[in-house]
Amino acid sequence: MMKVTINNVEFKNPVIAASGTFGFGAEYNNFYDVGILGGISSKGLTINPKQGNEGIRVFETPSGMMNSVGLQNPGIDAFIKYELPNMRKLGTNVIANIGGGCFEDYEAAVTKINDTDVDMIELNISCPNVKHGGMAFGIKSDVAYDVVKKIKAISKKPLMVKLSPNAENIVDMAVKCQEAGADSLSLINTLNAMAVDIYNRKPIFNNVTAGLSGPAVKPVALRMVHQVAKAVEIPVIGLGGICSGKDAIEFMMAGASAIQIGTVNFVNPMAGKEIIEEMESFLKDQGIKDINEIIGII
């Protein structure tokens, strides 16, 4: 059996498409029935539409990729009016990923999402806090605690908080988010990284740094998921470089109750379907009747 339950939401399997890598699901539905996925986390949503960053946005690296997309999205109102109805027709759980530049942005977006039929909210605290010098909400534990506590107080949906590996202390961050009321955690978001154009003597990205993802970050992500899962009592959703069913099983054995797949979708648009099939095959070959038996056995 592949069913898992997270915050009283039942997932047909633990494979979720990660935010920012799957759009709103429609494009990948041309490759396979994305309704077979456990869920889809939406493109990162902000209260107002965003055009995203200028210049190069995606850059390939050995065993991974860097991105500086800048949360390009149609805004929360357009999502609710146009995208969400289509996502609901896909036949899987819908997670709304919410970003913001200040607490008021998060508050306004979550208030609007409360009145919709999304299944969960994923709070992206890797966003720069524009009112306090641009440092991301997810770097310092006390800042993360404040924003999570305030959002939890108004959220009518289960609240999953997405953690940044760039946090000063990822375990302390996780514990503080749990104390603030987070219902679950997802980790890791991208690692802060840099690339240089040696011929033009300048950084590849206009913002100088960008987010690194893909297989290169998997060992770091796996370690962090294991550490966090041991430190908290709420469900942990693992992501970071998962490209196969075996990768997914590793994360679940390390403590993840479910997993998300991101960068691999760009390399192999059939990845979601193949990973589910590989996981099912592993369970059968190993004589495991219920995937929940392996969660956190490491």
C-alpha atoms as a PDB file:
ATOM      1  CA  MET A   1       0.000   0.000   0.000  1.00  0.00           C
ATOM      2  CA  MET A   2       1.321   3.422  -0.944  1.00  0.00           C
ATOM      3  CA  LYS A   3      -1.184   5.635   0.894  1.00  0.00           C
ATOM      4  CA  VAL A   4       0.135   8.122   3.442  1.00  0.00           C
ATOM      5  CA  THR A   5      -1.739  10.605   5.619  1.00  0.00           C
ATOM      6  CA  ILE A   6      -0.262  13.992   6.430  1.00  0.00           C
ATOM      7  CA  ASN A   7      -2.125  16.411   8.707  1.00  0.00           C
ATOM      8  CA  ASN A   8      -5.349  14.442   8.180  1.00  0.00           C
ATOM      9  CA  VAL A   9      -5.007  14.782   4.407  1.00  0.00           C
ATOM     10  CA  GLU A  10      -4.839  11.407   2.631  1.00  0.00           C
ATOM     11  CA  PHE A  11      -2.373  11.059  -0.240  1.00  0.00           C
ATOM     12  CA  LYS A  12      -2.808   8.110  -2.624  1.00  0.00           C
ATOM     13  CA  ASN A  13       0.989   7.839  -2.616  1.00  0.00           C
ATOM     14  CA  PRO A  14       3.856   9.881  -1.138  1.00  0.00           C
ATOM     15  CA  VAL A  15       5.046  11.412  -4.437  1.00  0.00           C
ATOM     16  CA  ILE A  16       4.323  15.139  -4.712  1.00  0.00           C
ATOM     17  CA  ALA A  17       5.385  17.463  -7.533  1.00  0.00           C
ATOM     18  CA  ALA A  18       7.505  20.241  -6.023  1.00  0.00           C
ATOM     19  CA  SER A  19       6.634  23.917  -6.300  1.00  0.00           C
ATOM     20  CA  GLY A  20       8.170  25.859  -9.160  1.00  0.00           C
ATOM     21  CA  THR A  21       8.964  22.781 -11.229  1.00  0.00           C
ATOM     22  CA  PHE A  22       5.510  21.630 -12.285  1.00  0.00           C
ATOM     23  CA  GLY A  23       3.644  24.847 -13.082  1.00  0.00           C
ATOM     24  CA  PHE A  24       0.024  24.154 -12.184  1.00  0.00           C
ATOM     25  CA  GLY A  25       0.133  20.621 -13.565  1.00  0.00           C
ATOM     26  CA  ALA A  26      -1.495  21.078 -16.975  1.00  0.00           C
ATOM     27  CA  GLU A  27       1.678  20.866 -19.073  1.00  0.00           C
ATOM     28  CA  TYR A  28       2.823  17.579 -17.533  1.00  0.00           C
ATOM     29  CA  ASN A  29      -0.659  16.155 -17.946  1.00  0.00           C
ATOM     30  CA  ASN A  30       0.202  15.968 -21.645  1.00  0.00           C
ATOM     31  CA  PHE A  31       2.876  13.355 -20.806  1.00  0.00           C
ATOM     32  CA  TYR A  32       1.004  11.229 -18.280  1.00  0.00           C
ATOM     33  CA  ASP A  33      -2.084  11.388 -16.074  1.00  0.00           C
ATOM     34  CA  VAL A  34      -0.753  13.532 -13.229  1.00  0.00           C
ATOM     35  CA  GLY A  35      -3.757  12.440 -11.202  1.00  0.00           C
ATOM     36  CA  ILE A  36      -1.673   9.402 -10.235  1.00  0.00           C
ATOM     37  CA  LEU A  37       0.574  11.662  -8.143  1.00  0.00           C
ATOM     38  CA  GLY A  38      -0.033  12.023  -4.438  1.00  0.00           C
ATOM     39  CA  GLY A  39      -0.218  15.777  -4.883  1.00  0.00           C
ATOM     40  CA  ILE A  40       0.982  18.877  -6.689  1.00  0.00           C
ATOM     41  CA  SER A  41       2.496  21.915  -4.994  1.00  0.00           C
ATOM     42  CA  SER A  42       1.629  24.991  -7.025  1.00  0.00           C
ATOM     43  CA  LYS A  43       3.974  27.516  -8.520  1.00  0.00           C
ATOM     44  CA  GLY A  44       5.067  29.896  -5.780  1.00  0.00           C
ATOM     45  CA  LEU A  45       2.217  32.377  -5.333  1.00  0.00           C
ATOM     46  CA  THR A  46       2.375  36.000  -4.176  1.00  0.00           C
ATOM     47  CA  ILE A  47      -0.402  38.440  -3.363  1.00  0.00           C
ATOM     48  CA  ASN A  48       0.371  40.453  -6.521  1.00  0.00           C
ATOM     49  CA  PRO A  49       1.504  39.155  -9.939  1.00  0.00           C
ATOM     50  CA  LYS A  50       5.278  38.955 -10.412  1.00  0.00           C
ATOM     51  CA  GLN A  51       7.210  39.021 -13.671  1.00  0.00           C
ATOM     52  CA  GLY A  52      10.241  37.391 -12.094  1.00  0.00           C
ATOM     53  CA  ASN A  53      13.911  38.208 -12.484  1.00  0.00           C
ATOM     54  CA  GLU A  54      15.605  39.613 -15.573  1.00  0.00           C
ATOM     55  CA  GLY A  55      18.517  37.960 -17.327  1.00  0.00           C
ATOM     56  CA  ILE A  56      19.393  34.280 -17.306  1.00  0.00           C
ATOM     57  CA  ARG A  57      17.014  32.335 -15.077  1.00  0.00           C
ATOM     58  CA  VAL A  58      18.184  28.733 -15.412  1.00  0.00           C
ATOM     59  CA  PHE A  59      21.747  27.475 -15.724  1.00  0.00           C
ATOM     60  CA  GLU A  60      22.872  23.855 -15.908  1.00  0.00           C
ATOM     61  CA  THR A  61      25.593  22.652 -13.548  1.00  0.00           C
ATOM     62  CA  PRO A  62      27.272  19.263 -13.083  1.00  0.00           C
ATOM     63  CA  SER A  63      24.618  16.966 -11.582  1.00  0.00           C
ATOM     64  CA  GLY A  64      22.130  19.769 -11.152  1.00  0.00           C
ATOM     65  CA  MET A  65      20.862  23.177 -12.118  1.00  0.00           C
ATOM     66  CA  MET A  66      20.726  26.701 -10.780  1.00  0.00           C
ATOM     67  CA  ASN A  67      17.704  28.943 -11.016  1.00  0.00           C
ATOM     68  CA  SER A  68      16.900  32.574 -10.407  1.00  0.00           C
ATOM     69  CA  VAL A  69      13.324  32.704 -11.665  1.00  0.00           C
ATOM     70  CA  GLY A  70      12.153  35.153  -9.019  1.00  0.00           C
ATOM     71  CA  LEU A  71       8.740  33.651  -8.219  1.00  0.00           C
ATOM     72  CA  GLN A  72       7.172  34.597 -11.535  1.00  0.00           C
ATOM     73  CA  ASN A  73       3.446  33.943 -11.040  1.00  0.00           C
ATOM     74  CA  PRO A  74       0.029  35.362 -11.959  1.00  0.00           C
ATOM     75  CA  GLY A  75      -0.813  36.435  -8.408  1.00  0.00           C
ATOM     76  CA  ILE A  76      -3.145  34.837  -5.896  1.00  0.00           C
ATOM     77  CA  ASP A  77      -6.398  36.179  -7.375  1.00  0.00           C
ATOM     78  CA  ALA A  78      -5.630  34.878 -10.868  1.00  0.00           C
ATOM     79  CA  PHE A  79      -4.584  31.536  -9.370  1.00  0.00           C
ATOM     80  CA  ILE A  80      -7.880  31.185  -7.530  1.00  0.00           C
ATOM     81  CA  LYS A  81      -9.957  32.242 -10.534  1.00  0.00           C
ATOM     82  CA  TYR A  82      -8.182  30.500 -13.399  1.00  0.00           C
ATOM     83  CA  GLU A  83      -5.611  27.939 -12.265  1.00  0.00           C
ATOM     84  CA  LEU A  84      -7.126  26.312  -9.197  1.00  0.00           C
ATOM     85  CA  PRO A  85     -10.308  25.059 -10.906  1.00  0.00           C
ATOM     86  CA  ASN A  86      -8.143  23.303 -13.513  1.00  0.00           C
ATOM     87  CA  MET A  87      -5.828  21.876 -10.848  1.00  0.00           C
ATOM     88  CA  ARG A  88      -8.805  20.420  -9.008  1.00  0.00           C
ATOM     89  CA  LYS A  89      -9.830  18.596 -12.189  1.00  0.00           C
ATOM     90  CA  LEU A  90      -6.469  16.775 -12.285  1.00  0.00           C
ATOM     91  CA  GLY A  91      -7.619  14.390  -9.580  1.00  0.00           C
ATOM     92  CA  THR A  92      -4.938  14.794  -6.924  1.00  0.00           C
ATOM     93  CA  ASN A  93      -4.248  16.853  -3.805  1.00  0.00           C
ATOM     94  CA  VAL A  94      -3.513  20.541  -4.356  1.00  0.00           C
ATOM     95  CA  ILE A  95      -0.986  22.335  -2.178  1.00  0.00           C
ATOM     96  CA  ALA A  96      -0.798  26.126  -2.506  1.00  0.00           C
ATOM     97  CA  ASN A  97       2.783  27.364  -2.147  1.00  0.00           C
ATOM     98  CA  ILE A  98       2.751  30.890  -0.722  1.00  0.00           C
ATOM     99  CA  GLY A  99       5.582  33.432  -0.772  1.00  0.00           C
ATOM    100  CA  GLY A 100       5.876  37.044   0.299  1.00  0.00           C
ATOM    101  CA  GLY A 101       8.207  39.941   0.931  1.00  0.00           C
ATOM    102  CA  CYS A 102       6.734  40.841   4.324  1.00  0.00           C
ATOM    103  CA  PHE A 103       4.288  39.413   6.837  1.00  0.00           C
ATOM    104  CA  GLU A 104       1.417  41.421   5.378  1.00  0.00           C
ATOM    105  CA  ASP A 105       1.976  39.756   1.985  1.00  0.00           C
ATOM    106  CA  TYR A 106       1.757  36.292   3.513  1.00  0.00           C
ATOM    107  CA  GLU A 107      -1.266  37.273   5.568  1.00  0.00           C
ATOM    108  CA  ALA A 108      -3.201  38.638   2.588  1.00  0.00           C
ATOM    109  CA  ALA A 109      -2.434  35.586   0.421  1.00  0.00           C
ATOM    110  CA  VAL A 110      -3.323  33.048   3.101  1.00  0.00           C
ATOM    111  CA  THR A 111      -6.559  34.888   3.910  1.00  0.00           C
ATOM    112  CA  LYS A 112      -7.628  34.509   0.277  1.00  0.00           C
ATOM    113  CA  ILE A 113      -6.533  30.856   0.086  1.00  0.00           C
ATOM    114  CA  ASN A 114      -8.543  30.071   3.233  1.00  0.00           C
ATOM    115  CA  ASP A 115     -11.772  30.385   1.274  1.00  0.00           C
ATOM    116  CA  THR A 116     -10.734  27.953  -1.468  1.00  0.00           C
ATOM    117  CA  ASP A 117     -10.691  24.162  -1.694  1.00  0.00           C
ATOM    118  CA  VAL A 118      -6.920  23.692  -1.687  1.00  0.00           C
ATOM    119  CA  ASP A 119      -5.894  20.826   0.582  1.00  0.00           C
ATOM    120  CA  MET A 120      -2.838  22.401   2.234  1.00  0.00           C
ATOM    121  CA  ILE A 121      -0.686  25.517   2.312  1.00  0.00           C
ATOM    122  CA  GLU A 122       3.082  25.305   1.857  1.00  0.00           C
ATOM    123  CA  LEU A 123       4.649  28.430   3.342  1.00  0.00           C
ATOM    124  CA  ASN A 124       7.861  29.416   1.547  1.00  0.00           C
ATOM    125  CA  ILE A 125       9.981  31.183   4.163  1.00  0.00           C
ATOM    126  CA  SER A 126      12.995  31.412   1.845  1.00  0.00           C
ATOM    127  CA  CYS A 127      11.642  34.735   0.561  1.00  0.00           C
ATOM    128  CA  PRO A 128      13.673  37.883   1.326  1.00  0.00           C
ATOM    129  CA  ASN A 129      12.144  40.035   4.060  1.00  0.00           C
ATOM    130  CA  VAL A 130      11.997  43.354   2.227  1.00  0.00           C
ATOM    131  CA  LYS A 131      11.163  45.321   5.385  1.00  0.00           C
ATOM    132  CA  HIS A 132      14.206  44.113   7.284  1.00  0.00           C
ATOM    133  CA  GLY A 133      17.233  44.333   5.013  1.00  0.00           C
ATOM    134  CA  GLY A 134      16.364  41.552   2.561  1.00  0.00           C
ATOM    135  CA  MET A 135      17.454  38.586   4.689  1.00  0.00           C
ATOM    136  CA  ALA A 136      15.165  35.597   4.096  1.00  0.00           C
ATOM    137  CA  PHE A 137      12.553  34.792   6.742  1.00  0.00           C
ATOM    138  CA  GLY A 138      13.983  31.281   6.873  1.00  0.00           C
ATOM    139  CA  ILE A 139      17.536  32.163   7.941  1.00  0.00           C
ATOM    140  CA  LYS A 140      17.068  33.077  11.599  1.00  0.00           C
ATOM    141  CA  SER A 141      14.915  30.830  13.781  1.00  0.00           C
ATOM    142  CA  ASP A 142      13.299  33.633  15.776  1.00  0.00           C
ATOM    143  CA  VAL A 143      12.165  35.431  12.615  1.00  0.00           C
ATOM    144  CA  ALA A 144      10.751  32.196  11.194  1.00  0.00           C
ATOM    145  CA  TYR A 145       8.976  31.509  14.489  1.00  0.00           C
ATOM    146  CA  ASP A 146       7.234  34.884  14.371  1.00  0.00           C
ATOM    147  CA  VAL A 147       5.944  34.585  10.812  1.00  0.00           C
ATOM    148  CA  VAL A 148       4.845  30.948  11.199  1.00  0.00           C
ATOM    149  CA  LYS A 149       3.030  31.687  14.462  1.00  0.00           C
ATOM    150  CA  LYS A 150       1.185  34.630  12.920  1.00  0.00           C
ATOM    151  CA  ILE A 151       0.228  32.697   9.775  1.00  0.00           C
ATOM    152  CA  LYS A 152      -0.847  29.612  11.723  1.00  0.00           C
ATOM    153  CA  ALA A 153      -3.192  31.814  13.755  1.00  0.00           C
ATOM    154  CA  ILE A 154      -5.117  32.807  10.619  1.00  0.00           C
ATOM    155  CA  SER A 155      -4.756  29.703   8.447  1.00  0.00           C
ATOM    156  CA  LYS A 156      -7.795  27.473   7.994  1.00  0.00           C
ATOM    157  CA  LYS A 157      -5.714  24.929   6.078  1.00  0.00           C
ATOM    158  CA  PRO A 158      -3.001  22.544   7.291  1.00  0.00           C
ATOM    159  CA  LEU A 159       0.235  24.550   7.275  1.00  0.00           C
ATOM    160  CA  MET A 160       3.385  23.003   5.829  1.00  0.00           C
ATOM    161  CA  VAL A 161       6.478  25.179   6.223  1.00  0.00           C
ATOM    162  CA  LYS A 162       9.213  24.855   3.598  1.00  0.00           C
ATOM    163  CA  LEU A 163      12.669  25.154   5.140  1.00  0.00           C
ATOM    164  CA  SER A 164      15.787  26.622   3.573  1.00  0.00           C
ATOM    165  CA  PRO A 165      19.100  24.745   3.818  1.00  0.00           C
ATOM    166  CA  ASN A 166      20.677  28.183   4.151  1.00  0.00           C
ATOM    167  CA  ALA A 167      19.234  28.529   7.669  1.00  0.00           C
ATOM    168  CA  GLU A 168      21.742  29.217  10.430  1.00  0.00           C
ATOM    169  CA  ASN A 169      20.698  25.945  12.088  1.00  0.00           C
ATOM    170  CA  ILE A 170      18.239  23.768  10.187  1.00  0.00           C
ATOM    171  CA  VAL A 171      17.321  21.607  13.213  1.00  0.00           C
ATOM    172  CA  ASP A 172      16.716  24.603  15.466  1.00  0.00           C
ATOM    173  CA  MET A 173      14.723  26.182  12.647  1.00  0.00           C
ATOM    174  CA  ALA A 174      12.541  23.077  12.378  1.00  0.00           C
ATOM    175  CA  VAL A 175      11.942  22.893  16.124  1.00  0.00           C
ATOM    176  CA  LYS A 176      11.022  26.582  16.281  1.00  0.00           C
ATOM    177  CA  CYS A 177       8.575  26.204  13.383  1.00  0.00           C
ATOM    178  CA  GLN A 178       6.975  23.255  15.166  1.00  0.00           C
ATOM    179  CA  GLU A 179       6.690  25.322  18.348  1.00  0.00           C
ATOM    180  CA  ALA A 180       5.105  28.130  16.321  1.00  0.00           C
ATOM    181  CA  GLY A 181       2.364  25.754  15.169  1.00  0.00           C
ATOM    182  CA  ALA A 182       3.541  24.343  11.830  1.00  0.00           C
ATOM    183  CA  ASP A 183       1.579  21.188  11.034  1.00  0.00           C
ATOM    184  CA  SER A 184       4.341  19.740   8.859  1.00  0.00           C
ATOM    185  CA  LEU A 185       7.676  20.682   7.297  1.00  0.00           C
ATOM    186  CA  SER A 186       9.119  20.317   3.795  1.00  0.00           C
ATOM    187  CA  LEU A 187      12.854  20.460   3.144  1.00  0.00           C
ATOM    188  CA  ILE A 188      15.117  21.331   1.525  1.00  0.00           C
ATOM    189  CA  ASN A 189      14.651  24.363  -0.655  1.00  0.00           C
ATOM    190  CA  THR A 190      17.544  25.294  -2.952  1.00  0.00           C
ATOM    191  CA  LEU A 191      21.094  25.903  -1.742  1.00  0.00           C
ATOM    192  CA  ASN A 192      22.542  29.366  -2.291  1.00  0.00           C
ATOM    193  CA  ALA A 193      25.140  29.100  -5.081  1.00  0.00           C
ATOM    194  CA  MET A 194      27.027  31.023  -7.771  1.00  0.00           C
ATOM    195  CA  ALA A 195      28.278  30.621 -11.339  1.00  0.00           C
ATOM    196  CA  VAL A 196      30.665  32.825 -13.336  1.00  0.00           C
ATOM    197  CA  ASP A 197      30.840  33.688 -17.031  1.00  0.00           C
ATOM    198  CA  ILE A 198      34.642  33.675 -17.420  1.00  0.00           C
ATOM    199  CA  TYR A 199      34.560  35.119 -20.937  1.00  0.00           C
ATOM    200  CA  ASN A 200      32.528  38.171 -20.007  1.00  0.00           C
ATOM    201  CA  ARG A 201      34.109  38.407 -16.557  1.00  0.00           C
ATOM    202  CA  LYS A 202      30.811  38.567 -14.709  1.00  0.00           C
ATOM    203  CA  PRO A 203      28.356  36.394 -12.762  1.00  0.00           C
ATOM    204  CA  ILE A 204      25.968  34.269 -14.819  1.00  0.00           C
ATOM    205  CA  PHE A 205      22.981  35.621 -12.899  1.00  0.00           C
ATOM    206  CA  ASN A 206      21.986  39.267 -12.553  1.00  0.00           C
ATOM    207  CA  ASN A 207      21.422  38.682  -8.829  1.00  0.00           C
ATOM    208  CA  VAL A 208      24.935  37.129  -8.596  1.00  0.00           C
ATOM    209  CA  THR A 209      23.732  34.132  -6.573  1.00  0.00           C
ATOM    210  CA  ALA A 210      20.996  31.635  -7.401  1.00  0.00           C
ATOM    211  CA  GLY A 211      19.406  28.456  -6.062  1.00  0.00           C
ATOM    212  CA  LEU A 212      21.154  25.116  -6.643  1.00  0.00           C
ATOM    213  CA  SER A 213      19.024  21.966  -6.978  1.00  0.00           C
ATOM    214  CA  GLY A 214      19.180  18.499  -8.488  1.00  0.00           C
ATOM    215  CA  PRO A 215      21.208  15.342  -7.708  1.00  0.00           C
ATOM    216  CA  ALA A 216      24.188  17.391  -6.494  1.00  0.00           C
ATOM    217  CA  VAL A 217      22.269  18.468  -3.374  1.00  0.00           C
ATOM    218  CA  LYS A 218      20.754  15.074  -2.524  1.00  0.00           C
ATOM    219  CA  PRO A 219      23.301  13.947   0.122  1.00  0.00           C
ATOM    220  CA  VAL A 220      22.935  17.288   1.924  1.00  0.00           C
ATOM    221  CA  ALA A 221      19.144  17.158   1.699  1.00  0.00           C
ATOM    222  CA  LEU A 222      19.047  13.574   2.951  1.00  0.00           C
ATOM    223  CA  ARG A 223      21.204  14.459   5.949  1.00  0.00           C
ATOM    224  CA  MET A 224      19.043  17.450   6.833  1.00  0.00           C
ATOM    225  CA  VAL A 225      15.784  15.506   6.472  1.00  0.00           C
ATOM    226  CA  HIS A 226      17.147  12.791   8.767  1.00  0.00           C
ATOM    227  CA  GLN A 227      18.288  15.301  11.393  1.00  0.00           C
ATOM    228  CA  VAL A 228      15.022  17.238  11.320  1.00  0.00           C
ATOM    229  CA  ALA A 229      12.808  14.141  11.371  1.00  0.00           C
ATOM    230  CA  LYS A 230      14.607  12.967  14.523  1.00  0.00           C
ATOM    231  CA  ALA A 231      14.107  16.352  16.198  1.00  0.00           C
ATOM    232  CA  VAL A 232      10.415  17.056  15.537  1.00  0.00           C
ATOM    233  CA  GLU A 233       7.131  15.226  16.060  1.00  0.00           C
ATOM    234  CA  ILE A 234       5.308  16.621  13.028  1.00  0.00           C
ATOM    235  CA  PRO A 235       5.479  15.063   9.533  1.00  0.00           C
ATOM    236  CA  VAL A 236       8.486  15.873   7.354  1.00  0.00           C
ATOM    237  CA  ILE A 237       8.280  15.960   3.552  1.00  0.00           C
ATOM    238  CA  GLY A 238      11.687  15.370   1.972  1.00  0.00           C
ATOM    239  CA  LEU A 239      13.022  16.829  -1.249  1.00  0.00           C
ATOM    240  CA  GLY A 240      16.325  17.642  -2.869  1.00  0.00           C
ATOM    241  CA  GLY A 241      17.771  15.763  -5.827  1.00  0.00           C
ATOM    242  CA  ILE A 242      15.289  12.878  -5.886  1.00  0.00           C
ATOM    243  CA  CYS A 243      15.462  11.292  -9.339  1.00  0.00           C
ATOM    244  CA  SER A 244      14.358   7.690  -8.815  1.00  0.00           C
ATOM    245  CA  GLY A 245      12.199   5.443  -6.716  1.00  0.00           C
ATOM    246  CA  LYS A 246      15.272   4.344  -4.785  1.00  0.00           C
ATOM    247  CA  ASP A 247      16.116   7.972  -3.984  1.00  0.00           C
ATOM    248  CA  ALA A 248      12.571   8.435  -2.686  1.00  0.00           C
ATOM    249  CA  ILE A 249      12.802   5.316  -0.533  1.00  0.00           C
ATOM    250  CA  GLU A 250      16.055   6.631   0.972  1.00  0.00           C
ATOM    251  CA  PHE A 251      14.337   9.830   2.080  1.00  0.00           C
ATOM    252  CA  MET A 252      11.427   7.938   3.597  1.00  0.00           C
ATOM    253  CA  MET A 253      13.728   5.585   5.472  1.00  0.00           C
ATOM    254  CA  ALA A 254      15.551   8.686   6.730  1.00  0.00           C
ATOM    255  CA  GLY A 255      12.299   9.983   8.189  1.00  0.00           C
ATOM    256  CA  ALA A 256      10.233  11.620   5.447  1.00  0.00           C
ATOM    257  CA  SER A 257       6.504  10.865   5.464  1.00  0.00           C
ATOM    258  CA  ALA A 258       6.332  11.877   1.801  1.00  0.00           C
ATOM    259  CA  ILE A 259       8.667  13.261  -0.834  1.00  0.00           C
ATOM    260  CA  GLN A 260       8.655  15.955  -3.498  1.00  0.00           C
ATOM    261  CA  ILE A 261      10.268  15.797  -6.913  1.00  0.00           C
ATOM    262  CA  GLY A 262      11.487  18.942  -8.618  1.00  0.00           C
ATOM    263  CA  THR A 263      14.483  19.344 -10.917  1.00  0.00           C
ATOM    264  CA  VAL A 264      14.093  15.834 -12.324  1.00  0.00           C
ATOM    265  CA  ASN A 265      10.834  16.957 -13.974  1.00  0.00           C
ATOM    266  CA  PHE A 266      12.861  19.195 -16.295  1.00  0.00           C
ATOM    267  CA  VAL A 267      15.153  16.332 -17.288  1.00  0.00           C
ATOM    268  CA  ASN A 268      12.487  13.644 -17.530  1.00  0.00           C
ATOM    269  CA  PRO A 269       8.852  14.777 -17.774  1.00  0.00           C
ATOM    270  CA  MET A 270       7.769  11.199 -17.049  1.00  0.00           C
ATOM    271  CA  ALA A 271       9.641  11.145 -13.723  1.00  0.00           C
ATOM    272  CA  GLY A 272       6.576  11.241 -11.476  1.00  0.00           C
ATOM    273  CA  LYS A 273       5.018   8.167 -13.041  1.00  0.00           C
ATOM    274  CA  GLU A 274       8.307   6.271 -13.152  1.00  0.00           C
ATOM    275  CA  ILE A 275       9.192   7.032  -9.528  1.00  0.00           C
ATOM    276  CA  ILE A 276       5.808   5.798  -8.306  1.00  0.00           C
ATOM    277  CA  GLU A 277       6.231   2.583 -10.297  1.00  0.00           C
ATOM    278  CA  GLU A 278       9.784   2.075  -8.995  1.00  0.00           C
ATOM    279  CA  MET A 279       8.630   2.548  -5.410  1.00  0.00           C
ATOM    280  CA  GLU A 280       5.796   0.073  -5.859  1.00  0.00           C
ATOM    281  CA  SER A 281       8.214  -2.429  -7.368  1.00  0.00           C
ATOM    282  CA  PHE A 282      10.609  -2.010  -4.431  1.00  0.00           C
ATOM    283  CA  LEU A 283       7.848  -2.652  -1.897  1.00  0.00           C
ATOM    284  CA  LYS A 284       6.762  -5.766  -3.767  1.00  0.00           C
ATOM    285  CA  ASP A 285      10.293  -7.119  -4.152  1.00  0.00           C
ATOM    286  CA  GLN A 286      11.055  -6.512  -0.475  1.00  0.00           C
ATOM    287  CA  GLY A 287       7.775  -7.962   0.765  1.00  0.00           C
ATOM    288  CA  ILE A 288       6.710  -4.665   2.326  1.00  0.00           C
ATOM    289  CA  LYS A 289       2.913  -4.395   2.431  1.00  0.00           C
ATOM    290  CA  ASP A 290       2.622  -0.815   3.622  1.00  0.00           C
ATOM    291  CA  ILE A 291       5.050   2.004   2.820  1.00  0.00           C
ATOM    292  CA  ASN A 292       4.414   3.503   6.247  1.00  0.00           C
ATOM    293  CA  GLU A 293       6.433   0.599   7.692  1.00  0.00           C
ATOM    294  CA  ILE A 294       9.690   2.049   6.371  1.00  0.00           C
ATOM    295  CA  ILE A 295       9.232   5.693   7.401  1.00  0.00           C
ATOM    296  CA  GLY A 296      12.051   6.718   9.711  1.00  0.00           C
ATOM    297  CA  ILE A 297      13.583   3.257  10.159  1.00  0.00           C
ATOM    298  CA  ILE A 298      17.115   4.683   9.837  1.00  0.00           C
END
